[in-house]
Amino acid sequence: MTVNARLRKSFFKKHLVFLLQASDLTKSNRERWTYYGTDVISRKDANNFTRSISLTVTYNFNASRSRYKGTGAGNEEKKRL
């Protein structure tokens, strides 16, 4: 059984986001399999050392998703057509 963790924290109204991730904290990721072929048996029983830690920093320029709706600047052009 592997144990993974993820921590996400945002600042400045979700403009700056920190994401800290850790995988295989218990160092217990194990691969076990057996393949039965014609006159061949292959087995694997091994520890996969995949422990990792990463930090991702993201800055969102438009975190609020607000869009410019306009004030009817094209109405004169529409009337002309």
PDB file of N, CA and C in Angstrom:
ATOM      1  N   MET A   1       0.840  -1.175   0.000  1.00  0.00           N
ATOM      2  CA  MET A   1       0.000   0.000   0.000  1.00  0.00           C
ATOM      3  C   MET A   1       0.889   1.243   0.000  1.00  0.00           C
ATOM      4  N   THR A   2       0.650   2.118  -0.939  1.00  0.00           N
ATOM      5  CA  THR A   2       1.425   3.362  -1.000  1.00  0.00           C
ATOM      6  C   THR A   2       0.620   4.498  -0.375  1.00  0.00           C
ATOM      7  N   VAL A   3       1.346   5.472   0.152  1.00  0.00           N
ATOM      8  CA  VAL A   3       0.720   6.638   0.766  1.00  0.00           C
ATOM      9  C   VAL A   3       1.190   7.876   0.010  1.00  0.00           C
ATOM     10  N   ASN A   4       0.228   8.644  -0.507  1.00  0.00           N
ATOM     11  CA  ASN A   4       0.512   9.883  -1.223  1.00  0.00           C
ATOM     12  C   ASN A   4      -0.151  11.041  -0.488  1.00  0.00           C
ATOM     13  N   ALA A   5       0.417  12.229  -0.616  1.00  0.00           N
ATOM     14  CA  ALA A   5      -0.149  13.408   0.039  1.00  0.00           C
ATOM     15  C   ALA A   5      -0.065  14.603  -0.900  1.00  0.00           C
ATOM     16  N   ARG A   6      -1.029  15.506  -0.745  1.00  0.00           N
ATOM     17  CA  ARG A   6      -1.061  16.721  -1.563  1.00  0.00           C
ATOM     18  C   ARG A   6      -1.594  17.856  -0.702  1.00  0.00           C
ATOM     19  N   LEU A   7      -0.922  19.003  -0.755  1.00  0.00           N
ATOM     20  CA  LEU A   7      -1.329  20.180  -0.003  1.00  0.00           C
ATOM     21  C   LEU A   7      -1.354  21.365  -0.958  1.00  0.00           C
ATOM     22  N   ARG A   8      -2.500  22.049  -1.005  1.00  0.00           N
ATOM     23  CA  ARG A   8      -2.675  23.195  -1.899  1.00  0.00           C
ATOM     24  C   ARG A   8      -3.076  24.398  -1.068  1.00  0.00           C
ATOM     25  N   LYS A   9      -2.396  25.510  -1.279  1.00  0.00           N
ATOM     26  CA  LYS A   9      -2.696  26.737  -0.547  1.00  0.00           C
ATOM     27  C   LYS A   9      -2.637  27.909  -1.515  1.00  0.00           C
ATOM     28  N   SER A  10      -3.669  28.750  -1.470  1.00  0.00           N
ATOM     29  CA  SER A  10      -3.695  29.915  -2.349  1.00  0.00           C
ATOM     30  C   SER A  10      -3.646  31.191  -1.522  1.00  0.00           C
ATOM     31  N   PHE A  11      -3.078  32.225  -2.129  1.00  0.00           N
ATOM     32  CA  PHE A  11      -2.922  33.538  -1.497  1.00  0.00           C
ATOM     33  C   PHE A  11      -3.380  34.620  -2.466  1.00  0.00           C
ATOM     34  N   PHE A  12      -3.612  35.803  -1.943  1.00  0.00           N
ATOM     35  CA  PHE A  12      -3.973  36.983  -2.741  1.00  0.00           C
ATOM     36  C   PHE A  12      -5.165  36.712  -3.652  1.00  0.00           C
ATOM     37  N   LYS A  13      -6.273  36.263  -3.055  1.00  0.00           N
ATOM     38  CA  LYS A  13      -7.525  35.998  -3.777  1.00  0.00           C
ATOM     39  C   LYS A  13      -7.312  35.016  -4.934  1.00  0.00           C
ATOM     40  N   LYS A  14      -6.624  33.937  -4.655  1.00  0.00           N
ATOM     41  CA  LYS A  14      -6.363  32.834  -5.597  1.00  0.00           C
ATOM     42  C   LYS A  14      -5.450  33.217  -6.757  1.00  0.00           C
ATOM     43  N   HIS A  15      -4.723  34.310  -6.643  1.00  0.00           N
ATOM     44  CA  HIS A  15      -3.772  34.673  -7.696  1.00  0.00           C
ATOM     45  C   HIS A  15      -2.501  33.846  -7.596  1.00  0.00           C
ATOM     46  N   LEU A  16      -2.023  33.602  -6.383  1.00  0.00           N
ATOM     47  CA  LEU A  16      -0.786  32.857  -6.160  1.00  0.00           C
ATOM     48  C   LEU A  16      -1.142  31.526  -5.494  1.00  0.00           C
ATOM     49  N   VAL A  17      -0.746  30.424  -6.125  1.00  0.00           N
ATOM     50  CA  VAL A  17      -1.115  29.095  -5.642  1.00  0.00           C
ATOM     51  C   VAL A  17       0.149  28.257  -5.447  1.00  0.00           C
ATOM     52  N   PHE A  18       0.265  27.643  -4.270  1.00  0.00           N
ATOM     53  CA  PHE A  18       1.356  26.716  -3.971  1.00  0.00           C
ATOM     54  C   PHE A  18       0.773  25.312  -3.886  1.00  0.00           C
ATOM     55  N   LEU A  19       1.420  24.355  -4.544  1.00  0.00           N
ATOM     56  CA  LEU A  19       0.983  22.962  -4.518  1.00  0.00           C
ATOM     57  C   LEU A  19       2.180  22.093  -4.144  1.00  0.00           C
ATOM     58  N   LEU A  20       2.099  21.443  -3.000  1.00  0.00           N
ATOM     59  CA  LEU A  20       3.143  20.554  -2.505  1.00  0.00           C
ATOM     60  C   LEU A  20       2.624  19.130  -2.599  1.00  0.00           C
ATOM     61  N   GLN A  21       3.368  18.262  -3.311  1.00  0.00           N
ATOM     62  CA  GLN A  21       2.954  16.883  -3.501  1.00  0.00           C
ATOM     63  C   GLN A  21       4.064  15.935  -3.073  1.00  0.00           C
ATOM     64  N   ALA A  22       3.679  14.840  -2.441  1.00  0.00           N
ATOM     65  CA  ALA A  22       4.625  13.793  -2.062  1.00  0.00           C
ATOM     66  C   ALA A  22       3.999  12.453  -2.415  1.00  0.00           C
ATOM     67  N   SER A  23       4.788  11.578  -3.017  1.00  0.00           N
ATOM     68  CA  SER A  23       4.261  10.265  -3.392  1.00  0.00           C
ATOM     69  C   SER A  23       5.118   9.156  -2.785  1.00  0.00           C
ATOM     70  N   ASP A  24       4.485   8.049  -2.485  1.00  0.00           N
ATOM     71  CA  ASP A  24       5.099   6.856  -1.912  1.00  0.00           C
ATOM     72  C   ASP A  24       5.882   7.187  -0.639  1.00  0.00           C
ATOM     73  N   LEU A  25       5.194   7.822   0.309  1.00  0.00           N
ATOM     74  CA  LEU A  25       5.856   8.238   1.550  1.00  0.00           C
ATOM     75  C   LEU A  25       6.367   7.061   2.375  1.00  0.00           C
ATOM     76  N   THR A  26       5.709   5.932   2.303  1.00  0.00           N
ATOM     77  CA  THR A  26       6.119   4.771   3.097  1.00  0.00           C
ATOM     78  C   THR A  26       7.128   3.887   2.365  1.00  0.00           C
ATOM     79  N   LYS A  27       7.516   4.275   1.165  1.00  0.00           N
ATOM     80  CA  LYS A  27       8.492   3.541   0.348  1.00  0.00           C
ATOM     81  C   LYS A  27       8.080   2.073   0.201  1.00  0.00           C
ATOM     82  N   SER A  28       6.818   1.868  -0.132  1.00  0.00           N
ATOM     83  CA  SER A  28       6.275   0.514  -0.177  1.00  0.00           C
ATOM     84  C   SER A  28       5.650   0.162  -1.528  1.00  0.00           C
ATOM     85  N   ASN A  29       5.948   0.908  -2.562  1.00  0.00           N
ATOM     86  CA  ASN A  29       5.423   0.597  -3.885  1.00  0.00           C
ATOM     87  C   ASN A  29       6.148  -0.642  -4.409  1.00  0.00           C
ATOM     88  N   ARG A  30       5.396  -1.711  -4.569  1.00  0.00           N
ATOM     89  CA  ARG A  30       5.991  -2.996  -4.934  1.00  0.00           C
ATOM     90  C   ARG A  30       5.323  -3.522  -6.192  1.00  0.00           C
ATOM     91  N   GLU A  31       6.110  -4.094  -7.074  1.00  0.00           N
ATOM     92  CA  GLU A  31       5.586  -4.668  -8.312  1.00  0.00           C
ATOM     93  C   GLU A  31       5.780  -6.181  -8.258  1.00  0.00           C
ATOM     94  N   ARG A  32       4.675  -6.915  -8.378  1.00  0.00           N
ATOM     95  CA  ARG A  32       4.718  -8.379  -8.367  1.00  0.00           C
ATOM     96  C   ARG A  32       3.850  -8.902  -9.505  1.00  0.00           C
ATOM     97  N   TRP A  33       4.425  -9.718 -10.351  1.00  0.00           N
ATOM     98  CA  TRP A  33       3.660 -10.338 -11.408  1.00  0.00           C
ATOM     99  C   TRP A  33       4.327 -11.625 -11.867  1.00  0.00           C
ATOM    100  N   THR A  34       3.520 -12.470 -12.509  1.00  0.00           N
ATOM    101  CA  THR A  34       3.996 -13.721 -13.090  1.00  0.00           C
ATOM    102  C   THR A  34       3.399 -13.846 -14.480  1.00  0.00           C
ATOM    103  N   TYR A  35       4.255 -14.146 -15.454  1.00  0.00           N
ATOM    104  CA  TYR A  35       3.821 -14.315 -16.840  1.00  0.00           C
ATOM    105  C   TYR A  35       4.055 -15.775 -17.236  1.00  0.00           C
ATOM    106  N   TYR A  36       3.007 -16.414 -17.693  1.00  0.00           N
ATOM    107  CA  TYR A  36       3.094 -17.797 -18.148  1.00  0.00           C
ATOM    108  C   TYR A  36       3.009 -17.808 -19.668  1.00  0.00           C
ATOM    109  N   GLY A  37       4.085 -18.148 -20.322  1.00  0.00           N
ATOM    110  CA  GLY A  37       4.113 -18.237 -21.776  1.00  0.00           C
ATOM    111  C   GLY A  37       4.372 -19.673 -22.203  1.00  0.00           C
ATOM    112  N   THR A  38       4.614 -19.867 -23.481  1.00  0.00           N
ATOM    113  CA  THR A  38       4.904 -21.197 -24.006  1.00  0.00           C
ATOM    114  C   THR A  38       6.283 -21.631 -23.529  1.00  0.00           C
ATOM    115  N   ASP A  39       6.326 -22.618 -22.670  1.00  0.00           N
ATOM    116  CA  ASP A  39       7.566 -23.176 -22.107  1.00  0.00           C
ATOM    117  C   ASP A  39       8.387 -22.154 -21.328  1.00  0.00           C
ATOM    118  N   VAL A  40       7.774 -21.035 -20.923  1.00  0.00           N
ATOM    119  CA  VAL A  40       8.502 -19.985 -20.200  1.00  0.00           C
ATOM    120  C   VAL A  40       7.624 -19.453 -19.072  1.00  0.00           C
ATOM    121  N   ILE A  41       8.223 -19.262 -17.930  1.00  0.00           N
ATOM    122  CA  ILE A  41       7.555 -18.592 -16.818  1.00  0.00           C
ATOM    123  C   ILE A  41       8.456 -17.444 -16.376  1.00  0.00           C
ATOM    124  N   SER A  42       7.932 -16.245 -16.408  1.00  0.00           N
ATOM    125  CA  SER A  42       8.691 -15.067 -15.964  1.00  0.00           C
ATOM    126  C   SER A  42       8.019 -14.494 -14.730  1.00  0.00           C
ATOM    127  N   ARG A  43       8.832 -14.160 -13.751  1.00  0.00           N
ATOM    128  CA  ARG A  43       8.317 -13.566 -12.519  1.00  0.00           C
ATOM    129  C   ARG A  43       9.085 -12.305 -12.175  1.00  0.00           C
ATOM    130  N   LYS A  44       8.372 -11.404 -11.549  1.00  0.00           N
ATOM    131  CA  LYS A  44       9.024 -10.198 -11.046  1.00  0.00           C
ATOM    132  C   LYS A  44       8.462  -9.888  -9.666  1.00  0.00           C
ATOM    133  N   ASP A  45       9.357  -9.656  -8.743  1.00  0.00           N
ATOM    134  CA  ASP A  45       8.990  -9.260  -7.379  1.00  0.00           C
ATOM    135  C   ASP A  45      10.027  -8.228  -6.947  1.00  0.00           C
ATOM    136  N   ALA A  46       9.681  -6.969  -7.054  1.00  0.00           N
ATOM    137  CA  ALA A  46      10.674  -5.920  -6.824  1.00  0.00           C
ATOM    138  C   ALA A  46      10.042  -4.695  -6.184  1.00  0.00           C
ATOM    139  N   ASN A  47      10.851  -3.941  -5.470  1.00  0.00           N
ATOM    140  CA  ASN A  47      10.446  -2.647  -4.938  1.00  0.00           C
ATOM    141  C   ASN A  47      10.692  -1.593  -6.001  1.00  0.00           C
ATOM    142  N   ASN A  48       9.706  -0.790  -6.258  1.00  0.00           N
ATOM    143  CA  ASN A  48       9.858   0.334  -7.180  1.00  0.00           C
ATOM    144  C   ASN A  48      10.064   1.582  -6.337  1.00  0.00           C
ATOM    145  N   PHE A  49      11.240   2.091  -6.338  1.00  0.00           N
ATOM    146  CA  PHE A  49      11.548   3.255  -5.517  1.00  0.00           C
ATOM    147  C   PHE A  49      11.099   4.507  -6.264  1.00  0.00           C
ATOM    148  N   THR A  50       9.871   4.886  -5.993  1.00  0.00           N
ATOM    149  CA  THR A  50       9.270   6.018  -6.696  1.00  0.00           C
ATOM    150  C   THR A  50       8.942   7.163  -5.748  1.00  0.00           C
ATOM    151  N   ARG A  51       9.589   7.233  -4.620  1.00  0.00           N
ATOM    152  CA  ARG A  51       9.326   8.311  -3.670  1.00  0.00           C
ATOM    153  C   ARG A  51       9.762   9.635  -4.294  1.00  0.00           C
ATOM    154  N   SER A  52       8.873  10.618  -4.205  1.00  0.00           N
ATOM    155  CA  SER A  52       9.200  11.922  -4.784  1.00  0.00           C
ATOM    156  C   SER A  52       8.446  13.024  -4.046  1.00  0.00           C
ATOM    157  N   ILE A  53       9.019  14.204  -4.099  1.00  0.00           N
ATOM    158  CA  ILE A  53       8.402  15.402  -3.524  1.00  0.00           C
ATOM    159  C   ILE A  53       8.517  16.507  -4.570  1.00  0.00           C
ATOM    160  N   SER A  54       7.432  17.248  -4.784  1.00  0.00           N
ATOM    161  CA  SER A  54       7.468  18.342  -5.750  1.00  0.00           C
ATOM    162  C   SER A  54       6.709  19.549  -5.208  1.00  0.00           C
ATOM    163  N   LEU A  55       7.160  20.712  -5.612  1.00  0.00           N
ATOM    164  CA  LEU A  55       6.516  21.974  -5.260  1.00  0.00           C
ATOM    165  C   LEU A  55       6.247  22.731  -6.554  1.00  0.00           C
ATOM    166  N   THR A  56       4.989  23.103  -6.757  1.00  0.00           N
ATOM    167  CA  THR A  56       4.584  23.851  -7.939  1.00  0.00           C
ATOM    168  C   THR A  56       4.032  25.198  -7.492  1.00  0.00           C
ATOM    169  N   VAL A  57       4.541  26.257  -8.078  1.00  0.00           N
ATOM    170  CA  VAL A  57       4.069  27.616  -7.777  1.00  0.00           C
ATOM    171  C   VAL A  57       3.438  28.167  -9.050  1.00  0.00           C
ATOM    172  N   THR A  58       2.186  28.626  -8.931  1.00  0.00           N
ATOM    173  CA  THR A  58       1.445  29.130 -10.079  1.00  0.00           C
ATOM    174  C   THR A  58       0.914  30.520  -9.758  1.00  0.00           C
ATOM    175  N   TYR A  59       1.029  31.420 -10.730  1.00  0.00           N
ATOM    176  CA  TYR A  59       0.450  32.755 -10.596  1.00  0.00           C
ATOM    177  C   TYR A  59      -0.630  32.909 -11.656  1.00  0.00           C
ATOM    178  N   ASN A  60      -1.859  33.186 -11.242  1.00  0.00           N
ATOM    179  CA  ASN A  60      -2.992  33.369 -12.152  1.00  0.00           C
ATOM    180  C   ASN A  60      -3.242  34.858 -12.349  1.00  0.00           C
ATOM    181  N   PHE A  61      -3.166  35.313 -13.570  1.00  0.00           N
ATOM    182  CA  PHE A  61      -3.368  36.723 -13.855  1.00  0.00           C
ATOM    183  C   PHE A  61      -4.839  37.119 -13.785  1.00  0.00           C
ATOM    184  N   ASN A  62      -5.742  36.222 -14.168  1.00  0.00           N
ATOM    185  CA  ASN A  62      -7.165  36.527 -14.172  1.00  0.00           C
ATOM    186  C   ASN A  62      -7.886  35.477 -13.336  1.00  0.00           C
ATOM    187  N   ALA A  63      -7.657  35.479 -12.041  1.00  0.00           N
ATOM    188  CA  ALA A  63      -8.203  34.447 -11.160  1.00  0.00           C
ATOM    189  C   ALA A  63      -9.706  34.567 -10.983  1.00  0.00           C
ATOM    190  N   SER A  64     -10.258  35.749 -11.109  1.00  0.00           N
ATOM    191  CA  SER A  64     -11.695  35.932 -10.876  1.00  0.00           C
ATOM    192  C   SER A  64     -12.538  35.571 -12.095  1.00  0.00           C
ATOM    193  N   ARG A  65     -11.919  35.320 -13.231  1.00  0.00           N
ATOM    194  CA  ARG A  65     -12.617  34.974 -14.465  1.00  0.00           C
ATOM    195  C   ARG A  65     -13.595  36.055 -14.913  1.00  0.00           C
ATOM    196  N   SER A  66     -13.334  37.308 -14.557  1.00  0.00           N
ATOM    197  CA  SER A  66     -14.214  38.381 -15.007  1.00  0.00           C
ATOM    198  C   SER A  66     -13.884  38.729 -16.458  1.00  0.00           C
ATOM    199  N   ARG A  67     -14.885  39.032 -17.211  1.00  0.00           N
ATOM    200  CA  ARG A  67     -14.691  39.362 -18.621  1.00  0.00           C
ATOM    201  C   ARG A  67     -15.300  40.729 -18.910  1.00  0.00           C
ATOM    202  N   TYR A  68     -14.736  41.405 -19.883  1.00  0.00           N
ATOM    203  CA  TYR A  68     -15.259  42.690 -20.296  1.00  0.00           C
ATOM    204  C   TYR A  68     -16.536  42.451 -21.085  1.00  0.00           C
ATOM    205  N   LYS A  69     -17.619  43.029 -20.624  1.00  0.00           N
ATOM    206  CA  LYS A  69     -18.912  42.800 -21.261  1.00  0.00           C
ATOM    207  C   LYS A  69     -19.243  43.877 -22.293  1.00  0.00           C
ATOM    208  N   GLY A  70     -18.564  44.992 -22.264  1.00  0.00           N
ATOM    209  CA  GLY A  70     -18.799  46.047 -23.238  1.00  0.00           C
ATOM    210  C   GLY A  70     -19.937  46.966 -22.829  1.00  0.00           C
ATOM    211  N   THR A  71     -19.982  48.112 -23.447  1.00  0.00           N
ATOM    212  CA  THR A  71     -21.030  49.081 -23.131  1.00  0.00           C
ATOM    213  C   THR A  71     -21.768  49.515 -24.394  1.00  0.00           C
ATOM    214  N   GLY A  72     -21.798  48.662 -25.397  1.00  0.00           N
ATOM    215  CA  GLY A  72     -22.523  49.014 -26.609  1.00  0.00           C
ATOM    216  C   GLY A  72     -21.716  49.852 -27.573  1.00  0.00           C
ATOM    217  N   ALA A  73     -20.404  49.687 -27.589  1.00  0.00           N
ATOM    218  CA  ALA A  73     -19.560  50.493 -28.457  1.00  0.00           C
ATOM    219  C   ALA A  73     -19.826  50.216 -29.934  1.00  0.00           C
ATOM    220  N   GLY A  74     -20.365  49.056 -30.277  1.00  0.00           N
ATOM    221  CA  GLY A  74     -20.608  48.724 -31.681  1.00  0.00           C
ATOM    222  C   GLY A  74     -22.004  49.038 -32.165  1.00  0.00           C
ATOM    223  N   ASN A  75     -22.811  49.692 -31.352  1.00  0.00           N
ATOM    224  CA  ASN A  75     -24.188  49.978 -31.748  1.00  0.00           C
ATOM    225  C   ASN A  75     -24.269  50.900 -32.958  1.00  0.00           C
ATOM    226  N   GLU A  76     -23.397  51.886 -33.031  1.00  0.00           N
ATOM    227  CA  GLU A  76     -23.409  52.804 -34.182  1.00  0.00           C
ATOM    228  C   GLU A  76     -23.110  52.050 -35.468  1.00  0.00           C
ATOM    229  N   GLU A  77     -22.187  51.105 -35.394  1.00  0.00           N
ATOM    230  CA  GLU A  77     -21.838  50.318 -36.580  1.00  0.00           C
ATOM    231  C   GLU A  77     -23.004  49.429 -36.999  1.00  0.00           C
ATOM    232  N   LYS A  78     -23.718  48.857 -36.032  1.00  0.00           N
ATOM    233  CA  LYS A  78     -24.863  47.999 -36.355  1.00  0.00           C
ATOM    234  C   LYS A  78     -25.997  48.819 -36.989  1.00  0.00           C
ATOM    235  N   LYS A  79     -26.196  50.027 -36.504  1.00  0.00           N
ATOM    236  CA  LYS A  79     -27.238  50.875 -37.080  1.00  0.00           C
ATOM    237  C   LYS A  79     -26.904  51.250 -38.536  1.00  0.00           C
ATOM    238  N   ARG A  80     -25.633  51.432 -38.801  1.00  0.00           N
ATOM    239  CA  ARG A  80     -25.188  51.819 -40.120  1.00  0.00           C
ATOM    240  C   ARG A  80     -25.473  50.725 -41.143  1.00  0.00           C
ATOM    241  N   LEU A  81     -25.368  49.448 -40.704  1.00  0.00           N
ATOM    242  CA  LEU A  81     -25.593  48.328 -41.627  1.00  0.00           C
ATOM    243  C   LEU A  81     -27.062  48.110 -41.756  1.00  0.00           C
TER     244      LEU A  81
END
